[in-house]
């Protein structure tokens, strides 16, 4: 789950039942991030590139949604065997 601010108001996005559950404006912005071909990488491992995506519910989706927010306030990641 990603919580943040979208144009001045609090918003939440979560992966639920195989799809991203978020308000329409956040979904639209995330789709733009994907359409622009955004990629994510770190200076520590520039060879590891993650492409923006809204499919599958993995870290690529989480990073895409984070980019779509105006400001991210928290991220909750699953832990344990079901993660």
C-alpha atoms as a PDB file:
ATOM      1  CA  UNK A   1       0.000   0.000   0.000  1.00  0.00           C
ATOM      2  CA  UNK A   2       1.204   3.492  -0.819  1.00  0.00           C
ATOM      3  CA  UNK A   3      -0.169   6.539   0.964  1.00  0.00           C
ATOM      4  CA  UNK A   4       0.488  10.052  -0.122  1.00  0.00           C
ATOM      5  CA  UNK A   5      -0.776  13.412  -1.204  1.00  0.00           C
ATOM      6  CA  UNK A   6      -2.356  14.018  -4.580  1.00  0.00           C
ATOM      7  CA  UNK A   7      -2.869  17.681  -5.424  1.00  0.00           C
ATOM      8  CA  UNK A   8      -3.201  18.650  -1.775  1.00  0.00           C
ATOM      9  CA  UNK A   9      -5.442  15.863  -0.498  1.00  0.00           C
ATOM     10  CA  UNK A  10      -4.586  12.489   1.062  1.00  0.00           C
ATOM     11  CA  UNK A  11      -4.872   9.438  -1.149  1.00  0.00           C
ATOM     12  CA  UNK A  12      -4.167   5.707  -0.970  1.00  0.00           C
ATOM     13  CA  UNK A  13      -3.269   3.136  -3.610  1.00  0.00           C
ATOM     14  CA  UNK A  14      -3.205  -0.610  -3.021  1.00  0.00           C
ATOM     15  CA  UNK A  15      -3.030  -3.781  -5.048  1.00  0.00           C
ATOM     16  CA  UNK A  16      -6.283  -5.680  -4.512  1.00  0.00           C
ATOM     17  CA  UNK A  17      -7.731  -8.710  -6.309  1.00  0.00           C
ATOM     18  CA  UNK A  18      -5.203  -8.486  -9.129  1.00  0.00           C
ATOM     19  CA  UNK A  19      -5.659  -4.792  -9.886  1.00  0.00           C
ATOM     20  CA  UNK A  20      -4.547  -1.410  -8.668  1.00  0.00           C
ATOM     21  CA  UNK A  21      -7.172   0.191  -6.441  1.00  0.00           C
ATOM     22  CA  UNK A  22      -6.800   3.971  -6.414  1.00  0.00           C
ATOM     23  CA  UNK A  23      -8.723   7.105  -7.222  1.00  0.00           C
ATOM     24  CA  UNK A  24      -9.157   7.829 -10.946  1.00  0.00           C
ATOM     25  CA  UNK A  25      -6.732  10.782 -11.078  1.00  0.00           C
ATOM     26  CA  UNK A  26      -3.929   8.739  -9.507  1.00  0.00           C
ATOM     27  CA  UNK A  27      -4.602   5.897 -11.947  1.00  0.00           C
ATOM     28  CA  UNK A  28      -4.493   8.351 -14.859  1.00  0.00           C
ATOM     29  CA  UNK A  29      -1.170   9.746 -13.683  1.00  0.00           C
ATOM     30  CA  UNK A  30       0.264   6.258 -13.229  1.00  0.00           C
ATOM     31  CA  UNK A  31      -0.817   5.382 -16.779  1.00  0.00           C
ATOM     32  CA  UNK A  32       1.046   8.475 -18.028  1.00  0.00           C
ATOM     33  CA  UNK A  33       4.194   7.326 -16.173  1.00  0.00           C
ATOM     34  CA  UNK A  34       3.949   3.970 -17.979  1.00  0.00           C
ATOM     35  CA  UNK A  35       3.192   5.581 -21.363  1.00  0.00           C
ATOM     36  CA  UNK A  36       6.267   7.800 -21.020  1.00  0.00           C
ATOM     37  CA  UNK A  37       8.415   4.686 -20.614  1.00  0.00           C
ATOM     38  CA  UNK A  38       9.699   5.697 -17.187  1.00  0.00           C
ATOM     39  CA  UNK A  39      12.474   3.517 -15.740  1.00  0.00           C
ATOM     40  CA  UNK A  40      13.752   3.304 -12.176  1.00  0.00           C
ATOM     41  CA  UNK A  41      17.322   2.553 -11.099  1.00  0.00           C
ATOM     42  CA  UNK A  42      19.790   3.390  -8.342  1.00  0.00           C
ATOM     43  CA  UNK A  43      23.313   4.741  -8.479  1.00  0.00           C
ATOM     44  CA  UNK A  44      24.401   1.694  -6.430  1.00  0.00           C
ATOM     45  CA  UNK A  45      23.308  -0.752  -9.145  1.00  0.00           C
ATOM     46  CA  UNK A  46      22.745   1.111 -12.433  1.00  0.00           C
ATOM     47  CA  UNK A  47      22.524  -2.195 -14.308  1.00  0.00           C
ATOM     48  CA  UNK A  48      19.326  -3.140 -12.479  1.00  0.00           C
ATOM     49  CA  UNK A  49      16.561  -1.265 -14.274  1.00  0.00           C
ATOM     50  CA  UNK A  50      12.854  -1.510 -13.417  1.00  0.00           C
ATOM     51  CA  UNK A  51      10.396  -0.342 -16.052  1.00  0.00           C
ATOM     52  CA  UNK A  52       7.209   1.408 -14.977  1.00  0.00           C
ATOM     53  CA  UNK A  53       4.230  -0.943 -15.055  1.00  0.00           C
ATOM     54  CA  UNK A  54       0.682  -1.340 -13.825  1.00  0.00           C
ATOM     55  CA  UNK A  55       0.577  -5.130 -14.225  1.00  0.00           C
ATOM     56  CA  UNK A  56       1.374  -7.888 -11.773  1.00  0.00           C
ATOM     57  CA  UNK A  57       1.402  -5.982  -8.493  1.00  0.00           C
ATOM     58  CA  UNK A  58       5.173  -6.122  -7.938  1.00  0.00           C
ATOM     59  CA  UNK A  59       7.745  -3.519  -7.049  1.00  0.00           C
ATOM     60  CA  UNK A  60       7.495  -2.088 -10.559  1.00  0.00           C
ATOM     61  CA  UNK A  61       3.863  -1.154  -9.882  1.00  0.00           C
ATOM     62  CA  UNK A  62       4.732   0.263  -6.465  1.00  0.00           C
ATOM     63  CA  UNK A  63       7.453   2.484  -7.951  1.00  0.00           C
ATOM     64  CA  UNK A  64       5.112   3.607 -10.732  1.00  0.00           C
ATOM     65  CA  UNK A  65       2.409   4.580  -8.247  1.00  0.00           C
ATOM     66  CA  UNK A  66       4.919   6.365  -6.048  1.00  0.00           C
ATOM     67  CA  UNK A  67       5.994   8.465  -9.037  1.00  0.00           C
ATOM     68  CA  UNK A  68       2.349   9.334  -9.761  1.00  0.00           C
ATOM     69  CA  UNK A  69       1.733  10.857  -6.305  1.00  0.00           C
ATOM     70  CA  UNK A  70       2.490  14.516  -5.636  1.00  0.00           C
ATOM     71  CA  UNK A  71       4.153  13.391  -2.395  1.00  0.00           C
ATOM     72  CA  UNK A  72       4.491   9.936  -0.826  1.00  0.00           C
ATOM     73  CA  UNK A  73       3.965   9.755   2.940  1.00  0.00           C
ATOM     74  CA  UNK A  74       4.237   5.998   3.594  1.00  0.00           C
ATOM     75  CA  UNK A  75       4.744   2.656   1.907  1.00  0.00           C
ATOM     76  CA  UNK A  76       3.658  -0.670   3.416  1.00  0.00           C
ATOM     77  CA  UNK A  77       5.296  -3.822   2.064  1.00  0.00           C
ATOM     78  CA  UNK A  78       4.219  -7.395   2.772  1.00  0.00           C
ATOM     79  CA  UNK A  79       6.587  -9.562   4.785  1.00  0.00           C
ATOM     80  CA  UNK A  80       6.749 -13.257   5.489  1.00  0.00           C
ATOM     81  CA  UNK A  81       6.097 -16.278   3.327  1.00  0.00           C
ATOM     82  CA  UNK A  82       3.124 -14.750   1.490  1.00  0.00           C
ATOM     83  CA  UNK A  83       5.164 -11.723   0.328  1.00  0.00           C
END
